[in-house]
Structures are given as C-alpha cells and as structure tokens.
Protein backbone atom coordinates (compact mmCIF):
# COMPACT_ATOMS: atom_id res chain seq x y z
CA UNK A 1 73.29 -7.72 -26.39
CA UNK A 2 69.59 -7.87 -27.22
CA UNK A 3 67.15 -5.19 -25.88
CA UNK A 4 64.19 -6.80 -24.12
CA UNK A 5 61.03 -4.61 -24.23
CA UNK A 6 59.04 -4.19 -20.99
CA UNK A 7 56.10 -6.49 -20.32
CA UNK A 8 53.36 -4.38 -18.58
CA UNK A 9 51.05 -7.37 -18.17
CA UNK A 10 53.72 -9.34 -16.33
CA UNK A 11 54.53 -6.29 -14.19
CA UNK A 12 50.85 -5.82 -13.22
CA UNK A 13 50.50 -9.47 -12.29
CA UNK A 14 53.61 -9.33 -10.10
CA UNK A 15 52.38 -6.06 -8.51
CA UNK A 16 49.12 -7.76 -7.56
CA UNK A 17 50.84 -10.98 -6.43
CA UNK A 18 54.60 -11.19 -6.31
CA UNK A 19 54.64 -14.75 -4.96
CA UNK A 20 55.48 -15.90 -8.48
CA UNK A 21 58.77 -14.00 -8.42
CA UNK A 22 61.66 -16.46 -8.53
CA UNK A 23 63.76 -16.80 -5.39
CA UNK A 24 67.50 -16.80 -6.03
CA UNK A 25 70.54 -17.64 -3.94
CA UNK A 26 73.48 -15.53 -4.96
CA UNK A 27 75.87 -18.43 -4.16
CA UNK A 28 75.98 -21.99 -5.50
CA UNK A 29 77.09 -24.76 -3.21
CA UNK A 30 79.63 -27.29 -4.55
CA UNK A 31 80.83 -30.37 -2.63
CA UNK A 32 84.29 -31.76 -3.43
CA UNK A 33 86.12 -34.33 -1.31
CA UNK A 34 83.59 -33.86 1.48
CA UNK A 35 84.11 -30.08 1.60
CA UNK A 36 81.56 -27.47 0.42
CA UNK A 37 82.85 -24.61 -1.63
CA UNK A 38 80.82 -21.49 -2.68
CA UNK A 39 80.78 -19.92 -6.06
CA UNK A 40 79.06 -16.64 -6.96
CA UNK A 41 76.01 -17.25 -9.23
CA UNK A 42 74.46 -15.08 -11.93
CA UNK A 43 70.82 -13.91 -12.48
CA UNK A 44 69.07 -15.36 -15.47
CA UNK A 45 67.60 -13.11 -18.13
CA UNK A 46 64.07 -14.21 -17.15
CA UNK A 47 64.60 -13.20 -13.54
CA UNK A 48 65.92 -9.79 -14.54
CA UNK A 49 62.94 -9.16 -16.82
CA UNK A 50 60.46 -10.02 -14.04
CA UNK A 51 62.20 -7.75 -11.52
CA UNK A 52 62.31 -4.83 -13.98
CA UNK A 53 58.64 -5.26 -14.93
CA UNK A 54 57.66 -5.25 -11.24
CA UNK A 55 59.66 -2.05 -10.66
CA UNK A 56 57.95 -0.40 -13.64
CA UNK A 57 54.51 -1.41 -12.30
CA UNK A 58 55.32 0.10 -8.88
CA UNK A 59 56.48 3.35 -10.49
CA UNK A 60 53.31 3.56 -12.63
CA UNK A 61 51.06 3.09 -9.58
CA UNK A 62 52.92 5.81 -7.67
CA UNK A 63 52.60 8.22 -10.60
CA UNK A 64 48.83 7.50 -10.86
CA UNK A 65 48.28 8.27 -7.18
CA UNK A 66 50.31 11.45 -7.48
CA UNK A 67 48.36 12.58 -10.57
CA UNK A 68 45.01 12.15 -8.75
CA UNK A 69 46.18 14.73 -6.20
CA UNK A 70 47.96 16.95 -8.67
CA UNK A 71 45.12 19.49 -9.01
CA UNK A 72 42.74 21.08 -6.48
CA UNK A 73 39.83 20.14 -8.77
CA UNK A 74 40.41 16.54 -7.74
CA UNK A 75 39.60 17.34 -4.10
CA UNK A 76 36.17 18.45 -2.83
CA UNK A 77 36.96 20.48 0.29
CA UNK A 78 33.37 21.57 1.02
CA UNK A 79 32.31 20.60 4.53
CA UNK A 80 35.78 19.36 5.41
CA UNK A 81 36.65 19.88 9.07
CA UNK A 82 39.86 19.64 11.03
CA UNK A 83 40.74 15.98 11.53
CA UNK A 84 38.45 14.68 8.77
CA UNK A 85 39.59 12.10 6.27
CA UNK A 86 38.97 11.91 2.54
CA UNK A 87 38.10 8.98 0.28
CA UNK A 88 38.17 8.54 -3.49
CA UNK A 89 34.71 8.74 -5.10
CA UNK A 90 34.86 6.70 -8.29
CA UNK A 91 31.57 8.10 -9.65
CA UNK A 92 32.55 11.74 -9.06
CA UNK A 93 36.15 11.15 -10.05
CA UNK A 94 37.49 13.08 -7.06
CA UNK A 95 38.35 12.89 -3.38
CA UNK A 96 35.52 13.72 -0.98
CA UNK A 97 35.22 14.02 2.81
CA UNK A 98 34.61 10.78 4.67
CA UNK A 99 32.57 10.68 7.87
CA UNK A 100 34.54 9.74 10.94
CA UNK A 101 34.27 9.94 14.68
CA UNK A 102 34.52 13.74 14.67
CA UNK A 103 31.19 14.16 12.80
CA UNK A 104 29.08 11.28 14.10
CA UNK A 105 26.75 13.72 15.85
CA UNK A 106 25.70 15.16 12.48
CA UNK A 107 23.29 13.87 9.84
CA UNK A 108 22.70 14.06 6.10
CA UNK A 109 19.41 15.22 4.62
CA UNK A 110 19.80 12.88 1.61
CA UNK A 111 22.03 9.92 0.85
CA UNK A 112 23.94 11.96 -1.74
CA UNK A 113 24.34 15.09 0.41
CA UNK A 114 27.96 16.28 0.20
CA UNK A 115 28.49 16.52 3.96
CA UNK A 116 26.83 15.91 7.29
CA UNK A 117 25.41 18.85 9.25
CA UNK A 118 23.57 19.55 12.47
CA UNK A 119 19.82 18.96 12.20
CA UNK A 120 19.05 22.59 13.07
CA UNK A 121 21.02 23.62 9.95
CA UNK A 122 19.04 21.28 7.69
CA UNK A 123 15.52 22.53 8.56
CA UNK A 124 14.04 26.02 8.18
CA UNK A 125 13.51 26.32 11.97
CA UNK A 126 10.19 28.03 11.22
CA UNK A 127 7.60 25.44 10.18
CA UNK A 128 9.68 22.74 11.87
CA UNK A 129 11.81 23.80 14.85
CA UNK A 130 14.28 22.19 17.21
CA UNK A 131 13.03 22.63 20.76
CA UNK A 132 16.11 23.17 22.98
CA UNK A 133 14.18 22.01 26.03
CA UNK A 134 14.09 18.26 25.70
CA UNK A 135 15.95 18.38 22.36
CA UNK A 136 12.91 17.42 20.26
CA UNK A 137 11.42 18.46 16.91
CA UNK A 138 8.17 20.42 17.01
CA UNK A 139 5.80 22.05 14.54
CA UNK A 140 6.32 25.81 14.47
CA UNK A 141 2.86 26.76 15.72
CA UNK A 142 3.36 30.51 15.25
CA UNK A 143 4.09 30.20 11.55
CA UNK A 144 2.13 27.13 10.39
CA UNK A 145 -0.33 28.04 7.62
CA UNK A 146 -2.81 26.18 5.39
CA UNK A 147 -0.20 26.08 2.61
CA UNK A 148 2.08 24.00 4.84
CA UNK A 149 -0.51 21.21 5.15
CA UNK A 150 -0.85 18.78 2.26
CA UNK A 151 -4.30 18.97 0.66
CA UNK A 152 -4.59 15.18 0.92
CA UNK A 153 -3.89 15.17 4.66
CA UNK A 154 -6.59 13.34 6.63
CA UNK A 155 -6.91 15.35 9.84
CA UNK A 156 -9.22 13.82 12.43
CA UNK A 157 -12.02 16.06 13.75
CA UNK A 158 -10.93 15.34 17.33
CA UNK A 159 -7.57 17.06 16.63
CA UNK A 160 -9.22 20.35 15.55
CA UNK A 161 -10.08 23.10 18.04
CA UNK A 162 -13.84 23.51 17.90
CA UNK A 163 -14.00 26.80 19.86
CA UNK A 164 -14.40 29.98 17.81
CA UNK A 165 -16.77 32.34 16.03
CA UNK A 166 -19.34 31.36 13.40
CA UNK A 167 -21.08 33.71 10.95
CA UNK A 168 -23.24 36.10 12.97
CA UNK A 169 -21.61 35.45 16.34
CA UNK A 170 -20.20 38.49 18.12
CA UNK A 171 -18.70 39.23 21.52
CA UNK A 172 -19.17 36.51 24.11
CA UNK A 173 -21.12 34.32 21.67
CA UNK A 174 -18.19 34.26 19.25
CA UNK A 175 -15.77 33.21 22.00
CA UNK A 176 -18.09 30.60 23.51
CA UNK A 177 -19.45 28.85 20.41
CA UNK A 178 -18.29 25.25 20.11
CA UNK A 179 -18.56 23.66 16.67
CA UNK A 180 -19.97 20.22 16.07
CA UNK A 181 -18.72 17.78 13.46
CA UNK A 182 -21.69 18.63 11.21
CA UNK A 183 -20.83 22.35 11.20
CA UNK A 184 -18.42 21.77 8.32
CA UNK A 185 -19.76 20.30 5.09
CA UNK A 186 -17.46 20.10 2.06
CA UNK A 187 -15.44 23.00 3.42
CA UNK A 188 -18.31 25.51 3.40
CA UNK A 189 -19.56 26.40 6.87
CA UNK A 190 -22.46 28.35 5.37
CA UNK A 191 -23.97 25.16 3.91
CA UNK A 192 -24.55 23.70 7.34
CA UNK A 193 -26.28 26.90 8.48
CA UNK A 194 -28.24 27.65 5.33
CA UNK A 195 -29.30 24.38 3.77
CA UNK A 196 -28.21 22.51 0.67
CA UNK A 197 -26.52 24.59 -2.02
CA UNK A 198 -25.55 27.60 0.11
CA UNK A 199 -22.01 28.49 -0.82
CA UNK A 200 -22.07 32.02 0.58
CA UNK A 201 -23.58 33.83 3.56
CA UNK A 202 -26.22 35.48 1.31
CA UNK A 203 -27.03 32.11 -0.24
CA UNK A 204 -27.54 30.63 3.20
CA UNK A 205 -29.89 33.49 4.10
CA UNK A 206 -31.96 32.99 0.95
CA UNK A 207 -32.29 29.27 1.69
CA UNK A 208 -33.85 30.12 5.05
CA UNK A 209 -36.46 32.42 3.47
CA UNK A 210 -39.70 31.56 1.67
CA UNK A 211 -39.34 31.52 -2.10
CA UNK A 212 -42.66 31.84 -3.91
CA UNK A 213 -43.16 29.74 -7.03
CA UNK A 214 -46.16 30.73 -9.16
CA UNK A 215 -46.54 28.66 -12.36
CA UNK A 216 -47.76 30.12 -15.64
CA UNK A 217 -49.44 26.93 -16.82
CA UNK A 218 -51.63 24.20 -15.39
CA UNK A 219 -48.84 21.67 -15.17
CA UNK A 220 -48.30 19.18 -13.87
CA UNK A 221 -45.51 21.24 -12.30
CA UNK A 222 -42.63 19.13 -11.01
CA UNK A 223 -41.60 19.96 -7.46
CA UNK A 224 -37.92 19.06 -7.05
CA UNK A 225 -36.08 17.84 -3.95
CA UNK A 226 -33.87 20.92 -4.32
CA UNK A 227 -37.03 23.10 -3.95
CA UNK A 228 -37.43 22.14 -0.30
CA UNK A 229 -38.71 25.05 1.87
CA UNK A 230 -40.20 26.86 -1.15
CA UNK A 231 -43.75 28.27 -1.27
CA UNK A 232 -45.95 27.24 -4.24
CA UNK A 233 -49.16 29.01 -5.36
CA UNK A 234 -51.59 28.86 -8.29
CA UNK A 235 -51.54 32.64 -8.82
CA UNK A 236 -52.10 33.63 -12.48
CA UNK A 237 -52.50 30.09 -13.83
CA UNK A 238 -56.04 30.57 -15.25
CA UNK A 239 -56.95 26.94 -14.50
CA UNK A 240 -56.38 24.32 -11.83
CA UNK A 241 -52.66 23.75 -11.28
CA UNK A 242 -51.33 20.31 -10.36
CA UNK A 243 -48.02 20.09 -8.47
CA UNK A 244 -46.17 16.75 -8.67
CA UNK A 245 -44.24 16.01 -5.47
CA UNK A 246 -40.85 14.25 -5.66
CA UNK A 247 -40.37 10.82 -4.13
CA UNK A 248 -40.79 11.23 -0.39
CA UNK A 249 -37.55 11.49 1.59
CA UNK A 250 -37.53 12.28 5.30
CA UNK A 251 -36.93 15.99 5.90
CA UNK A 252 -38.30 17.48 2.66
CA UNK A 253 -40.65 20.40 3.35
CA UNK A 254 -42.94 22.36 0.97
CA UNK A 255 -45.55 25.10 1.43
CA UNK A 256 -48.68 25.51 -0.71
CA UNK A 257 -51.28 28.31 -0.88
CA UNK A 258 -54.46 28.83 -2.93
CA UNK A 259 -54.64 32.35 -4.44
CA UNK A 260 -57.08 31.66 -7.33
CA UNK A 261 -60.50 29.94 -7.39
CA UNK A 262 -59.36 27.74 -10.29
CA UNK A 263 -57.86 25.56 -7.58
CA UNK A 264 -54.62 23.80 -6.67
CA UNK A 265 -53.83 20.07 -6.54
CA UNK A 266 -50.83 18.43 -4.85
CA UNK A 267 -50.13 14.88 -6.07
CA UNK A 268 -47.93 12.32 -4.31
CA UNK A 269 -45.36 10.34 -6.28
CA UNK A 270 -45.61 6.62 -7.09
CA UNK A 271 -45.80 4.57 -3.88
CA UNK A 272 -46.37 7.63 -1.62
CA UNK A 273 -49.48 9.04 0.09
CA UNK A 274 -50.57 12.26 1.80
CA UNK A 275 -52.10 12.45 5.29
CA UNK A 276 -54.13 15.38 6.63
CA UNK A 277 -55.45 14.92 10.14
CA UNK A 278 -57.17 11.53 10.33
CA UNK A 279 -57.53 11.11 6.57
CA UNK A 280 -55.12 9.79 3.97
CA UNK A 281 -55.02 9.87 0.18
CA UNK A 282 -54.70 6.83 -2.00
CA UNK A 283 -51.24 5.75 -3.15
CA UNK A 284 -50.00 8.34 -5.64
CA UNK A 285 -53.16 10.28 -4.71
CA UNK A 286 -53.59 13.98 -4.15
CA UNK A 287 -54.66 16.77 -1.80
CA UNK A 288 -56.67 19.62 -3.42
CA UNK A 289 -58.41 22.92 -2.65
CA UNK A 290 -60.15 25.70 -4.63
CA UNK A 291 -60.77 27.94 -1.62
CA UNK A 292 -58.70 31.12 -1.71
CA UNK A 293 -56.65 31.38 1.47
CA UNK A 294 -56.27 27.64 1.97
CA UNK A 295 -52.66 26.81 2.92
CA UNK A 296 -50.70 23.80 4.11
CA UNK A 297 -47.18 22.68 4.87
CA UNK A 298 -46.28 19.17 3.69
CA UNK A 299 -43.42 17.35 5.41
CA UNK A 300 -42.05 13.97 4.33
CA UNK A 301 -41.77 12.01 7.59
CA UNK A 302 -40.25 8.94 5.89
CA UNK A 303 -39.77 7.59 2.37
CA UNK A 304 -43.49 6.96 1.67
CA UNK A 305 -45.58 9.43 3.67
CA UNK A 306 -46.29 13.16 3.45
CA UNK A 307 -47.87 14.73 6.54
CA UNK A 308 -49.82 18.02 6.39
CA UNK A 309 -48.85 20.49 9.13
CA UNK A 310 -50.70 23.74 9.83
CA UNK A 311 -53.38 22.91 7.28
CA UNK A 312 -55.76 25.89 6.94
CA UNK A 313 -58.93 26.13 4.85
CA UNK A 314 -60.73 23.41 2.90
CA UNK A 315 -58.70 20.48 1.55
CA UNK A 316 -59.93 17.26 -0.08
CA UNK A 317 -57.98 13.99 -0.25
CA UNK A 318 -58.36 11.41 -3.02
C-alpha cells in the first residue's frame, strides 16, 4: 500500500472553502427485477486524501491560535478592565484591549494611546482644569504664566486687563491707572513714556531731558531725526556753525541757542522752509543769529514746514 504525503495547499483551500469536498453516499442503489437493493460502497483514495488534508489544516489553525496565547508577552494587559475584550494587533504582534461599551465614557489623548482614560487623568489639571460645575474645561487662572502662552499667540488688546500700575505710579494712582493701546510699544512700556529708543526707565528719563550738543567745528552739522528734543549751541566752535535739519516730519522738535558771537545758522532741508512769526525763509533756506542769548525752538508741523516757537533774541531768515 502506497504512502500518500499530505498536501498542505489542498488542506488550506478546503479550510477556507470546503464546498469542493466531494459528497459521498455510503450505499449504492441497484435495481434488479423492479426491486432496489443496497450495497455498501467504498471511499476513493482521492476523497480520503482531501478529508485528511482538511483535518490537518484544522489542527494547524488550532495550534497557531493556541501558540499566540501561550505566553503572557503576547497579551498587553495595561488598562484592561473587568468585562473588556481583547483584539489581535497585527503591527504589535500581540493582543491588546479593545474599547467596548464599558469604556465609552473615556477618551484617548492620541490615536495610538494604549488605552482610554478619563479626561481629568489626561490633563495636568493645573494649566487646564476640569470644572466640576457645568463639567467644562477651563484655563487654570491661578497658575497660568507667560511660559504657558505661545510666543506667536495673537492676543487682542480688548482681551487684556488695562487696569494696573505704570512706572512712577503709587498708591491710589497705581490702582486707578488705565492703560491705552499706545502704552505698549514693542513690549517696552518705557518707550511710550520716554520717547523713541528708551529701553529702560533711566533711558526714558534721559529722553525727557535736554541734551546739549556743542560742535567742535563749523559744520555743517547734521541734525538727525533721532536727535529730537536735543539742545544745540555754537559754544567753542570759533566760527559760525551751520546746523543742517533733517527732512521735516510732523512732531520733530529741536532747541537752538547762541553762546558765541561767531553766530549760529539753522538750515532747512531740500523742499522745506522755516517760519518765524510772520516771516518765512526760502525753500532750503535758513534762520540765523549772532546775538548771544538768542534761542528758539523749532517744531516740524508737517512734512515741509518748521515753525519757530518761543523765539528769543535777534533772528534773520533767508
């Protein structure tokens, strides 16, 4: 009798779909003289092979399932609760908890989180808190700091409390002061209170004081926009000093004083003029004096005109 080796491929096919398995009647009908007689039949070799291969396939599948549960390493028990079910995770190569009706009130922080939890367990309950009253999430006001706010966050001015102290305010003034939107400029409050370029309280104070500029040559000496509110003299020059104003821009302010008989001349920039009382210089003209003690304050009232305020002494326009 020949030994027929097993056919795994045939067994797997029959395990997936056994409709191809031959059906067999264990009796054969025989009609003789109008009467049926029955005779016991025999299985064919092909039928036996198919049945054996199917049995082998079933045994192999059962062994595979048993092996997957043979070690505790194959089962992730973290977060598993009473009544939970497990599913096979092909990527992890192990059994993991599956969400069911007993955990539908929980959430996952990320899609690959191992298990669902209550929301209060997933947040720090400090910067973000669960408010029991009303069951809502709120910002933890008592612990929120600058470091918790993204530097790129665009916070509208209307959402910021404008009541509080400013440099120099004390007592009732500190409690009552209400900030305006212009109080903050590039993050330095002192700038708004001390002029352009004040990054500290002392810098702001200096910007509000006169700064005397006395040249050591006859010039022309360029007066810069950044020099606004400075006081210029001709002290020690030894000859007439000419100061060249910057292009007029509304709000620029300069002070000039004659301290030497050699004289002082203030010239307007291209396209600008200077007005003193009822008189005006020519375009790009000047205002001059050689009388010691003569002073004036020039203010740019727009982008073409300088107006002399508090002019004292003798000044000529040309």
